[in-house]
Structures are given as C-alpha cells and as structure tokens.
Amino acid sequence: MPSVSVVHLVWKPLGVETLRRFLSSYQQNTGGLNHQLLVVFNGFDDGKGLDAYLELLEGVSYQPLILSRRSQDIPAYFAAASAVSSDLVCFLNSYSVLLDKSWLMKLYAHIKRDDVGLVGATGSYQSLYCSVKESMTEEPGSYSLKRLASSPRRQWMLSRLKSYFDPFPNPHIRSSAFMLGRDLMLSLEPSRIRTKMQAMRFESGKSNLTRQIQLRGLKALVIGRDGKAYEQENWFDSETYKSGEQSNLLVADNRTEQYAMAVAEARRAMTKTTWGR
C-alpha cells in the first residue's frame, strides 16, 4: 500500500480555536487509514508564539513544519509536499473539520485508481470573473458597487479578471481538502504565488490545479461521505458543496459552514453563483 501523509495548515492570525476544532474532529475521525500527520505552522515568524498550539497538540502523533516566512496556502502546500517522502499527500486547510471516521480511506479508495489524478471533498463551477461582474450589476442598492459599475476602474478590473479566470462554468476541485500523488503535486506549475489573487488563480484560474491534472489525461473527482466518486458533470448532485443540505460532505470548512448557517434566500444565491442553478 502506498504511504500517505496528511498535511494540515495552521495560520497564526486565525488563533488557536481553529486548530482546536480541527484536532477535535481529527481525534474523533481518525481516517481509517495509516498515515503521517504533518502540521504546517504558517505566520509564526520563525517559531514565535507557538506554545499554545503545541500544548493543544500534546498526545497527537505528528511532525511539525515551521515556515520561515509567511505565505499563502498554496506555497505552504508545496513546501509541505517537499518536506514529506510519502507517495500520496492529502492537504487540509486551516478551517477543515473532518466529518467521517473513514474520511481518508474514502479519498484513498479513488486516488489509487490509475485513471485518477486528483480527489477532493468539494468541487465548484464558480467563475470569479462572472461572480464579480454579476455583483456589479445585480445590486443596484449598493452605492459603492453602482458607482464602480459605471467607472473606468470597472472595465480594468473585469478585463483583468477575465484574463485570469474562465467564465462560468469553471469546474475545479476546491483547495480546502484534496489528495493527490506527491510527485504529481511537485511536478505542477504553481507560478509565482505571493498574493491571495495568485492563490485563487491556482485553485480556479485558467491554468488551475484541476485543469493541469486533466491535461495529463487524469480525472478529478469529488468524493462524498457515502464513499462514492462523483465525476465533474455530477458534482452538484453529490450534495457536498452548496447543494441541498450538504448532507454528503466529507470535510467541512468555513465556506460550507457559511452556507449551512445561511437563510434560504442566501443559500439560493450561493447555489446559483456556484452551480448556475
């Protein structure tokens, strides 16, 4: 069986409670598969301010990785992939909360297939370009957006976003929780990622993670709590991300929780932005 590493990002500005939530879910839901846990400490300025986090991790089997300088989540993922020697790597962002006792085994069951290069807990069709464009035209009550919509800056902003992101539908596996081969990850082209926008382009831009995998003839699948793999055309039906009650979700994050707590009207708007329905 291939060796597996699980990478969890700890981003200092979020505080210890985010790590506490993850660890609580991790200790209750061990994954159902042997693995090494790598905890990446990001934003700690060479280890300063770690005491409270290390105290939470007492009794947990893990390896630490302290990044020497603050970075976006994608460069942190690449640093983690370089630091481990396992065959497969599962990346979990700071907000991740595990929802199933066999969550890792369910991801592994499909990533080990020869025709699959990437699996994730959630996928989306959202286009940042289209979302921003619609927000400028569909909220006439917002003075700032209304003003921006009629300004030269609007044209510049939209032109820039259009050059970075394909229009809807723009299918991509979300980078909050995904798994792939370590060597495959390190062979990808992350370009230069220093800003949030550059990180978003790696997730859903024109040369995003999912597309790079697919261009190699490999599939990108969403895996549900039911253990089933959902191909791109069926991601909405998986009920994992901003669909129905998200009852089939394997790993939650801040965006899935935002949807879960929203009123019906807000949910409909989120679903439309994500899936066009």
C-alpha atoms as a PDB file:
ATOM      1  CA  MET A   1       0.000   0.000   0.000  1.00  0.00           C
ATOM      2  CA  PRO A   2       1.352   3.484  -0.859  1.00  0.00           C
ATOM      3  CA  SER A   3       2.423   5.644   2.086  1.00  0.00           C
ATOM      4  CA  VAL A   4       0.176   8.608   2.917  1.00  0.00           C
ATOM      5  CA  SER A   5       0.779  11.988   4.544  1.00  0.00           C
ATOM      6  CA  VAL A   6      -1.949  14.300   5.805  1.00  0.00           C
ATOM      7  CA  VAL A   7      -0.975  17.981   5.815  1.00  0.00           C
ATOM      8  CA  HIS A   8      -2.866  20.453   7.987  1.00  0.00           C
ATOM      9  CA  LEU A   9      -2.164  24.177   7.774  1.00  0.00           C
ATOM     10  CA  VAL A  10      -2.132  26.279  10.928  1.00  0.00           C
ATOM     11  CA  TRP A  11      -2.407  30.003  10.111  1.00  0.00           C
ATOM     12  CA  LYS A  12      -1.488  32.096  13.158  1.00  0.00           C
ATOM     13  CA  PRO A  13      -3.915  35.010  12.567  1.00  0.00           C
ATOM     14  CA  LEU A  14      -6.849  32.580  12.962  1.00  0.00           C
ATOM     15  CA  GLY A  15      -5.887  31.751  16.549  1.00  0.00           C
ATOM     16  CA  VAL A  16      -5.808  28.507  18.491  1.00  0.00           C
ATOM     17  CA  GLU A  17      -9.549  27.792  18.327  1.00  0.00           C
ATOM     18  CA  THR A  18      -9.345  26.868  14.644  1.00  0.00           C
ATOM     19  CA  LEU A  19      -6.684  24.284  15.428  1.00  0.00           C
ATOM     20  CA  ARG A  20      -8.719  23.089  18.409  1.00  0.00           C
ATOM     21  CA  ARG A  21     -11.728  22.419  16.158  1.00  0.00           C
ATOM     22  CA  PHE A  22      -9.626  20.530  13.654  1.00  0.00           C
ATOM     23  CA  LEU A  23      -7.934  18.409  16.322  1.00  0.00           C
ATOM     24  CA  SER A  24     -11.255  17.571  17.954  1.00  0.00           C
ATOM     25  CA  SER A  25     -12.554  16.264  14.620  1.00  0.00           C
ATOM     26  CA  TYR A  26      -9.246  14.531  13.845  1.00  0.00           C
ATOM     27  CA  GLN A  27      -9.215  12.646  17.138  1.00  0.00           C
ATOM     28  CA  GLN A  28     -12.822  11.533  16.656  1.00  0.00           C
ATOM     29  CA  ASN A  29     -12.384  10.699  12.970  1.00  0.00           C
ATOM     30  CA  THR A  30      -9.010   9.034  12.548  1.00  0.00           C
ATOM     31  CA  GLY A  31      -9.453   8.448   8.808  1.00  0.00           C
ATOM     32  CA  GLY A  32      -9.455   4.651   8.665  1.00  0.00           C
ATOM     33  CA  LEU A  33      -6.001   4.556   7.068  1.00  0.00           C
ATOM     34  CA  ASN A  34      -2.450   4.631   8.416  1.00  0.00           C
ATOM     35  CA  HIS A  35      -0.806   7.965   7.703  1.00  0.00           C
ATOM     36  CA  GLN A  36       1.670  10.552   8.915  1.00  0.00           C
ATOM     37  CA  LEU A  37       0.296  13.915  10.073  1.00  0.00           C
ATOM     38  CA  LEU A  38       2.346  16.985   9.157  1.00  0.00           C
ATOM     39  CA  VAL A  39       1.284  20.215  10.851  1.00  0.00           C
ATOM     40  CA  VAL A  40       2.480  23.291   8.982  1.00  0.00           C
ATOM     41  CA  PHE A  41       2.862  26.410  11.132  1.00  0.00           C
ATOM     42  CA  ASN A  42       2.440  29.425   8.885  1.00  0.00           C
ATOM     43  CA  GLY A  43       2.774  33.019  10.056  1.00  0.00           C
ATOM     44  CA  PHE A  44       4.691  32.335  13.262  1.00  0.00           C
ATOM     45  CA  ASP A  45       7.879  34.293  12.463  1.00  0.00           C
ATOM     46  CA  ASP A  46      10.400  31.507  12.980  1.00  0.00           C
ATOM     47  CA  GLY A  47       8.506  29.784  15.771  1.00  0.00           C
ATOM     48  CA  LYS A  48       7.418  32.719  17.913  1.00  0.00           C
ATOM     49  CA  GLY A  49       4.074  32.298  19.669  1.00  0.00           C
ATOM     50  CA  LEU A  50       3.832  28.535  19.219  1.00  0.00           C
ATOM     51  CA  ASP A  51       3.383  27.495  22.851  1.00  0.00           C
ATOM     52  CA  ALA A  52      -0.431  27.440  22.936  1.00  0.00           C
ATOM     53  CA  TYR A  53      -0.574  25.486  19.688  1.00  0.00           C
ATOM     54  CA  LEU A  54       1.997  22.931  20.795  1.00  0.00           C
ATOM     55  CA  GLU A  55       0.093  22.457  24.030  1.00  0.00           C
ATOM     56  CA  LEU A  56      -3.024  21.556  22.053  1.00  0.00           C
ATOM     57  CA  LEU A  57      -1.011  19.020  20.066  1.00  0.00           C
ATOM     58  CA  GLU A  58       0.288  17.159  23.112  1.00  0.00           C
ATOM     59  CA  GLY A  59      -0.539  13.478  22.757  1.00  0.00           C
ATOM     60  CA  VAL A  60      -1.042  13.764  18.986  1.00  0.00           C
ATOM     61  CA  SER A  61       1.383  11.918  16.731  1.00  0.00           C
ATOM     62  CA  TYR A  62       2.592  14.490  14.208  1.00  0.00           C
ATOM     63  CA  GLN A  63       5.591  16.120  12.570  1.00  0.00           C
ATOM     64  CA  PRO A  64       5.921  19.936  12.652  1.00  0.00           C
ATOM     65  CA  LEU A  65       6.969  22.169   9.774  1.00  0.00           C
ATOM     66  CA  ILE A  66       7.587  25.826  10.615  1.00  0.00           C
ATOM     67  CA  LEU A  67       7.738  28.078   7.576  1.00  0.00           C
ATOM     68  CA  SER A  68      10.449  30.697   7.853  1.00  0.00           C
ATOM     69  CA  ARG A  69       8.272  33.360   6.241  1.00  0.00           C
ATOM     70  CA  ARG A  70       4.527  33.863   5.894  1.00  0.00           C
ATOM     71  CA  SER A  71       2.988  32.541   2.694  1.00  0.00           C
ATOM     72  CA  GLN A  72      -0.321  31.865   1.014  1.00  0.00           C
ATOM     73  CA  ASP A  73      -1.827  28.408   1.494  1.00  0.00           C
ATOM     74  CA  ILE A  74      -0.731  27.088  -1.921  1.00  0.00           C
ATOM     75  CA  PRO A  75       3.013  27.751  -1.428  1.00  0.00           C
ATOM     76  CA  ALA A  76       2.627  26.222   2.042  1.00  0.00           C
ATOM     77  CA  TYR A  77       1.169  23.102   0.409  1.00  0.00           C
ATOM     78  CA  PHE A  78       4.157  22.867  -1.931  1.00  0.00           C
ATOM     79  CA  ALA A  79       6.586  23.328   0.959  1.00  0.00           C
ATOM     80  CA  ALA A  80       4.827  20.507   2.796  1.00  0.00           C
ATOM     81  CA  ALA A  81       4.944  18.213  -0.251  1.00  0.00           C
ATOM     82  CA  SER A  82       8.687  18.830  -0.484  1.00  0.00           C
ATOM     83  CA  ALA A  83       9.119  18.024   3.213  1.00  0.00           C
ATOM     84  CA  VAL A  84       7.445  14.593   3.184  1.00  0.00           C
ATOM     85  CA  SER A  85       8.528  11.417   1.430  1.00  0.00           C
ATOM     86  CA  SER A  86       5.170   9.639   1.188  1.00  0.00           C
ATOM     87  CA  ASP A  87       3.621   8.510  -2.092  1.00  0.00           C
ATOM     88  CA  LEU A  88       0.337  10.349  -1.530  1.00  0.00           C
ATOM     89  CA  VAL A  89      -0.464  13.630   0.193  1.00  0.00           C
ATOM     90  CA  CYS A  90      -3.810  14.890   1.486  1.00  0.00           C
ATOM     91  CA  PHE A  91      -3.973  18.645   2.080  1.00  0.00           C
ATOM     92  CA  LEU A  92      -6.376  20.179   4.616  1.00  0.00           C
ATOM     93  CA  ASN A  93      -6.642  23.922   5.082  1.00  0.00           C
ATOM     94  CA  SER A  94      -6.861  25.691   8.441  1.00  0.00           C
ATOM     95  CA  TYR A  95     -10.671  25.612   8.558  1.00  0.00           C
ATOM     96  CA  SER A  96     -11.009  21.890   7.852  1.00  0.00           C
ATOM     97  CA  VAL A  97     -13.307  19.858  10.093  1.00  0.00           C
ATOM     98  CA  LEU A  98     -13.461  16.103   9.464  1.00  0.00           C
ATOM     99  CA  LEU A  99     -16.962  14.638   9.359  1.00  0.00           C
ATOM    100  CA  ASP A 100     -16.489  10.893   8.867  1.00  0.00           C
ATOM    101  CA  LYS A 101     -14.462   8.234  10.664  1.00  0.00           C
ATOM    102  CA  SER A 102     -13.156   6.819   7.357  1.00  0.00           C
ATOM    103  CA  TRP A 103     -12.714  10.108   5.515  1.00  0.00           C
ATOM    104  CA  LEU A 104      -9.110   9.399   4.463  1.00  0.00           C
ATOM    105  CA  MET A 105      -9.802   5.837   3.363  1.00  0.00           C
ATOM    106  CA  LYS A 106     -12.683   7.075   1.210  1.00  0.00           C
ATOM    107  CA  LEU A 107     -10.391   9.556  -0.544  1.00  0.00           C
ATOM    108  CA  TYR A 108      -7.655   6.941  -0.879  1.00  0.00           C
ATOM    109  CA  ALA A 109     -10.002   4.347  -2.403  1.00  0.00           C
ATOM    110  CA  HIS A 110     -10.317   6.526  -5.509  1.00  0.00           C
ATOM    111  CA  ILE A 111      -6.961   8.335  -5.748  1.00  0.00           C
ATOM    112  CA  LYS A 112      -5.249   4.938  -6.043  1.00  0.00           C
ATOM    113  CA  ARG A 113      -7.049   4.317  -9.355  1.00  0.00           C
ATOM    114  CA  ASP A 114      -4.812   4.514 -12.425  1.00  0.00           C
ATOM    115  CA  ASP A 115      -7.171   6.902 -14.229  1.00  0.00           C
ATOM    116  CA  VAL A 116      -7.492   9.376 -11.341  1.00  0.00           C
ATOM    117  CA  GLY A 117      -5.036  12.179 -10.547  1.00  0.00           C
ATOM    118  CA  LEU A 118      -6.928  14.295  -8.034  1.00  0.00           C
ATOM    119  CA  VAL A 119      -9.713  13.802  -5.490  1.00  0.00           C
ATOM    120  CA  GLY A 120     -11.319  16.395  -3.264  1.00  0.00           C
ATOM    121  CA  ALA A 121     -14.048  16.805  -0.676  1.00  0.00           C
ATOM    122  CA  THR A 122     -15.696  19.583  -2.701  1.00  0.00           C
ATOM    123  CA  GLY A 123     -15.776  20.985  -6.208  1.00  0.00           C
ATOM    124  CA  SER A 124     -17.276  24.088  -7.784  1.00  0.00           C
ATOM    125  CA  TYR A 125     -18.219  25.570 -11.162  1.00  0.00           C
ATOM    126  CA  GLN A 126     -17.829  29.147  -9.930  1.00  0.00           C
ATOM    127  CA  SER A 127     -16.017  31.764 -12.003  1.00  0.00           C
ATOM    128  CA  LEU A 128     -14.617  34.669 -10.014  1.00  0.00           C
ATOM    129  CA  TYR A 129     -14.815  36.798 -13.148  1.00  0.00           C
ATOM    130  CA  CYS A 130     -18.552  36.160 -13.593  1.00  0.00           C
ATOM    131  CA  SER A 131     -19.263  36.499  -9.877  1.00  0.00           C
ATOM    132  CA  VAL A 132     -17.680  39.943  -9.684  1.00  0.00           C
ATOM    133  CA  LYS A 133     -19.324  41.025 -12.922  1.00  0.00           C
ATOM    134  CA  GLU A 134     -22.770  39.999 -11.677  1.00  0.00           C
ATOM    135  CA  SER A 135     -22.231  41.624  -8.273  1.00  0.00           C
ATOM    136  CA  MET A 136     -21.692  44.946 -10.018  1.00  0.00           C
ATOM    137  CA  THR A 137     -24.912  44.741 -11.976  1.00  0.00           C
ATOM    138  CA  GLU A 138     -27.321  42.861  -9.681  1.00  0.00           C
ATOM    139  CA  GLU A 139     -27.060  45.043  -6.549  1.00  0.00           C
ATOM    140  CA  PRO A 140     -28.442  48.434  -7.592  1.00  0.00           C
ATOM    141  CA  GLY A 141     -28.986  49.361  -3.924  1.00  0.00           C
ATOM    142  CA  SER A 142     -25.268  49.342  -3.215  1.00  0.00           C
ATOM    143  CA  TYR A 143     -23.922  52.835  -3.913  1.00  0.00           C
ATOM    144  CA  SER A 144     -20.293  51.750  -3.988  1.00  0.00           C
ATOM    145  CA  LEU A 145     -20.931  48.902  -6.442  1.00  0.00           C
ATOM    146  CA  LYS A 146     -23.212  51.071  -8.549  1.00  0.00           C
ATOM    147  CA  ARG A 147     -20.543  53.732  -8.737  1.00  0.00           C
ATOM    148  CA  LEU A 148     -17.859  51.159  -9.538  1.00  0.00           C
ATOM    149  CA  ALA A 149     -20.024  49.586 -12.249  1.00  0.00           C
ATOM    150  CA  SER A 150     -20.039  52.818 -14.212  1.00  0.00           C
ATOM    151  CA  SER A 151     -16.392  53.711 -13.744  1.00  0.00           C
ATOM    152  CA  PRO A 152     -13.295  53.060 -15.883  1.00  0.00           C
ATOM    153  CA  ARG A 153     -11.931  51.071 -12.954  1.00  0.00           C
ATOM    154  CA  ARG A 154     -14.747  48.534 -13.504  1.00  0.00           C
ATOM    155  CA  GLN A 155     -13.589  47.866 -17.043  1.00  0.00           C
ATOM    156  CA  TRP A 156      -9.997  47.473 -15.925  1.00  0.00           C
ATOM    157  CA  MET A 157     -10.946  45.137 -13.079  1.00  0.00           C
ATOM    158  CA  LEU A 158     -13.217  42.961 -15.217  1.00  0.00           C
ATOM    159  CA  SER A 159     -10.675  42.813 -18.030  1.00  0.00           C
ATOM    160  CA  ARG A 160      -8.033  41.658 -15.559  1.00  0.00           C
ATOM    161  CA  LEU A 161     -10.302  39.011 -14.027  1.00  0.00           C
ATOM    162  CA  LYS A 162     -11.365  37.797 -17.470  1.00  0.00           C
ATOM    163  CA  SER A 163      -7.716  37.249 -18.371  1.00  0.00           C
ATOM    164  CA  TYR A 164      -7.217  35.192 -15.191  1.00  0.00           C
ATOM    165  CA  PHE A 165     -10.462  33.178 -14.929  1.00  0.00           C
ATOM    166  CA  ASP A 166     -12.653  31.416 -17.470  1.00  0.00           C
ATOM    167  CA  PRO A 167     -16.343  32.343 -17.482  1.00  0.00           C
ATOM    168  CA  PHE A 168     -18.960  30.121 -15.878  1.00  0.00           C
ATOM    169  CA  PRO A 169     -18.981  27.118 -15.802  1.00  0.00           C
ATOM    170  CA  ASN A 170     -15.442  26.932 -14.465  1.00  0.00           C
ATOM    171  CA  PRO A 171     -15.116  23.451 -12.879  1.00  0.00           C
ATOM    172  CA  HIS A 172     -12.377  22.961 -10.292  1.00  0.00           C
ATOM    173  CA  ILE A 173     -11.672  20.949  -7.159  1.00  0.00           C
ATOM    174  CA  ARG A 174     -11.526  23.317  -4.204  1.00  0.00           C
ATOM    175  CA  SER A 175      -8.169  23.523  -2.439  1.00  0.00           C
ATOM    176  CA  SER A 176      -9.636  23.292   1.071  1.00  0.00           C
ATOM    177  CA  ALA A 177      -9.340  19.471   1.154  1.00  0.00           C
ATOM    178  CA  PHE A 178      -7.779  17.448  -1.660  1.00  0.00           C
ATOM    179  CA  MET A 179      -5.462  14.493  -2.251  1.00  0.00           C
ATOM    180  CA  LEU A 180      -3.017  13.504  -4.971  1.00  0.00           C
ATOM    181  CA  GLY A 181       0.372  11.918  -5.536  1.00  0.00           C
ATOM    182  CA  ARG A 182       3.328  13.762  -4.028  1.00  0.00           C
ATOM    183  CA  ASP A 183       5.408  13.559  -7.198  1.00  0.00           C
ATOM    184  CA  LEU A 184       2.470  14.742  -9.274  1.00  0.00           C
ATOM    185  CA  MET A 185       1.946  17.701  -6.944  1.00  0.00           C
ATOM    186  CA  LEU A 186       5.586  18.721  -7.168  1.00  0.00           C
ATOM    187  CA  SER A 187       5.510  18.457 -10.969  1.00  0.00           C
ATOM    188  CA  LEU A 188       2.737  21.059 -11.261  1.00  0.00           C
ATOM    189  CA  GLU A 189       3.352  24.674 -12.186  1.00  0.00           C
ATOM    190  CA  PRO A 190       2.277  26.931  -9.313  1.00  0.00           C
ATOM    191  CA  SER A 191       3.821  30.032 -10.915  1.00  0.00           C
ATOM    192  CA  ARG A 192       4.626  32.856  -8.511  1.00  0.00           C
ATOM    193  CA  ILE A 193       2.164  32.924  -5.616  1.00  0.00           C
ATOM    194  CA  ARG A 194       2.504  35.763  -3.150  1.00  0.00           C
ATOM    195  CA  THR A 195      -0.989  37.259  -3.085  1.00  0.00           C
ATOM    196  CA  LYS A 196      -4.464  35.886  -2.394  1.00  0.00           C
ATOM    197  CA  MET A 197      -5.415  36.515  -6.012  1.00  0.00           C
ATOM    198  CA  GLN A 198      -2.484  34.425  -7.237  1.00  0.00           C
ATOM    199  CA  ALA A 199      -3.508  31.604  -4.886  1.00  0.00           C
ATOM    200  CA  MET A 200      -7.073  31.783  -6.200  1.00  0.00           C
ATOM    201  CA  ARG A 201      -5.755  31.522  -9.742  1.00  0.00           C
ATOM    202  CA  PHE A 202      -4.015  28.269  -8.826  1.00  0.00           C
ATOM    203  CA  GLU A 203      -7.301  26.932  -7.473  1.00  0.00           C
ATOM    204  CA  SER A 204      -9.683  28.167 -10.179  1.00  0.00           C
ATOM    205  CA  GLY A 205      -7.775  30.200 -12.770  1.00  0.00           C
ATOM    206  CA  LYS A 206      -7.163  29.299 -16.394  1.00  0.00           C
ATOM    207  CA  SER A 207      -4.226  27.043 -15.531  1.00  0.00           C
ATOM    208  CA  ASN A 208      -5.599  25.756 -12.263  1.00  0.00           C
ATOM    209  CA  LEU A 209      -4.741  22.623 -10.315  1.00  0.00           C
ATOM    210  CA  THR A 210      -7.670  20.633 -11.697  1.00  0.00           C
ATOM    211  CA  ARG A 211      -7.008  21.598 -15.300  1.00  0.00           C
ATOM    212  CA  GLN A 212      -3.327  20.721 -15.085  1.00  0.00           C
ATOM    213  CA  ILE A 213      -4.290  17.270 -13.820  1.00  0.00           C
ATOM    214  CA  GLN A 214      -6.905  16.780 -16.528  1.00  0.00           C
ATOM    215  CA  LEU A 215      -4.490  17.837 -19.269  1.00  0.00           C
ATOM    216  CA  ARG A 216      -2.417  14.815 -18.284  1.00  0.00           C
ATOM    217  CA  GLY A 217      -5.345  12.567 -19.068  1.00  0.00           C
ATOM    218  CA  LEU A 218      -6.305  12.012 -15.429  1.00  0.00           C
ATOM    219  CA  LYS A 219      -9.667  12.501 -13.741  1.00  0.00           C
ATOM    220  CA  ALA A 220     -10.522  14.935 -10.954  1.00  0.00           C
ATOM    221  CA  LEU A 221     -13.252  13.576  -8.681  1.00  0.00           C
ATOM    222  CA  VAL A 222     -15.322  14.776  -5.750  1.00  0.00           C
ATOM    223  CA  ILE A 223     -15.661  12.145  -3.027  1.00  0.00           C
ATOM    224  CA  GLY A 224     -18.742  12.102  -0.816  1.00  0.00           C
ATOM    225  CA  ARG A 225     -19.341  10.796   2.672  1.00  0.00           C
ATOM    226  CA  ASP A 226     -21.111   7.887   1.008  1.00  0.00           C
ATOM    227  CA  GLY A 227     -17.708   6.810  -0.354  1.00  0.00           C
ATOM    228  CA  LYS A 228     -18.798   7.326  -3.959  1.00  0.00           C
ATOM    229  CA  ALA A 229     -16.766   9.226  -6.545  1.00  0.00           C
ATOM    230  CA  TYR A 230     -18.576  11.952  -8.497  1.00  0.00           C
ATOM    231  CA  GLU A 231     -17.322  12.968 -11.908  1.00  0.00           C
ATOM    232  CA  GLN A 232     -17.288  16.588 -12.996  1.00  0.00           C
ATOM    233  CA  GLU A 233     -20.756  16.601 -14.533  1.00  0.00           C
ATOM    234  CA  ASN A 234     -22.238  15.202 -11.301  1.00  0.00           C
ATOM    235  CA  TRP A 235     -20.545  17.392  -8.692  1.00  0.00           C
ATOM    236  CA  PHE A 236     -23.758  19.295  -7.932  1.00  0.00           C
ATOM    237  CA  ASP A 237     -25.639  16.033  -7.396  1.00  0.00           C
ATOM    238  CA  SER A 238     -23.047  14.902  -4.835  1.00  0.00           C
ATOM    239  CA  GLU A 239     -24.643  17.253  -2.245  1.00  0.00           C
ATOM    240  CA  THR A 240     -21.261  18.151  -0.838  1.00  0.00           C
ATOM    241  CA  TYR A 241     -20.867  21.878  -1.538  1.00  0.00           C
ATOM    242  CA  LYS A 242     -23.629  24.477  -1.581  1.00  0.00           C
ATOM    243  CA  SER A 243     -26.094  21.863  -2.772  1.00  0.00           C
ATOM    244  CA  GLY A 244     -29.157  20.751  -0.825  1.00  0.00           C
ATOM    245  CA  GLU A 245     -28.241  20.256   2.830  1.00  0.00           C
ATOM    246  CA  GLN A 246     -24.618  19.303   2.026  1.00  0.00           C
ATOM    247  CA  SER A 247     -25.559  16.009   3.684  1.00  0.00           C
ATOM    248  CA  ASN A 248     -22.871  14.056   1.821  1.00  0.00           C
ATOM    249  CA  LEU A 249     -19.974  16.327   2.815  1.00  0.00           C
ATOM    250  CA  LEU A 250     -16.774  14.569   3.924  1.00  0.00           C
ATOM    251  CA  VAL A 251     -14.722  17.560   5.158  1.00  0.00           C
ATOM    252  CA  ALA A 252     -16.298  20.857   6.200  1.00  0.00           C
ATOM    253  CA  ASP A 253     -14.681  24.306   6.025  1.00  0.00           C
ATOM    254  CA  ASN A 254     -15.632  27.931   6.571  1.00  0.00           C
ATOM    255  CA  ARG A 255     -17.462  28.178   3.226  1.00  0.00           C
ATOM    256  CA  THR A 256     -19.567  25.053   3.745  1.00  0.00           C
ATOM    257  CA  GLU A 257     -20.432  26.310   7.232  1.00  0.00           C
ATOM    258  CA  GLN A 258     -21.369  29.716   5.848  1.00  0.00           C
ATOM    259  CA  TYR A 259     -23.840  28.008   3.526  1.00  0.00           C
ATOM    260  CA  ALA A 260     -25.180  25.736   6.290  1.00  0.00           C
ATOM    261  CA  MET A 261     -25.956  28.729   8.514  1.00  0.00           C
ATOM    262  CA  ALA A 262     -27.486  30.899   5.778  1.00  0.00           C
ATOM    263  CA  VAL A 263     -31.195  31.572   5.328  1.00  0.00           C
ATOM    264  CA  ALA A 264     -32.983  30.084   2.310  1.00  0.00           C
ATOM    265  CA  GLU A 265     -32.670  33.186   0.105  1.00  0.00           C
ATOM    266  CA  ALA A 266     -28.928  33.483   0.733  1.00  0.00           C
ATOM    267  CA  ARG A 267     -28.490  29.768   0.061  1.00  0.00           C
ATOM    268  CA  ARG A 268     -30.226  30.099  -3.292  1.00  0.00           C
ATOM    269  CA  ALA A 269     -27.878  32.936  -4.245  1.00  0.00           C
ATOM    270  CA  MET A 270     -24.812  30.891  -3.220  1.00  0.00           C
ATOM    271  CA  THR A 271     -26.038  27.874  -5.174  1.00  0.00           C
ATOM    272  CA  LYS A 272     -26.628  29.988  -8.265  1.00  0.00           C
ATOM    273  CA  THR A 273     -23.139  31.503  -8.081  1.00  0.00           C
ATOM    274  CA  THR A 274     -21.532  28.084  -7.576  1.00  0.00           C
ATOM    275  CA  TRP A 275     -23.640  25.910  -9.880  1.00  0.00           C
ATOM    276  CA  GLY A 276     -25.765  28.229 -12.020  1.00  0.00           C
ATOM    277  CA  ARG A 277     -28.997  26.722 -10.675  1.00  0.00           C
END
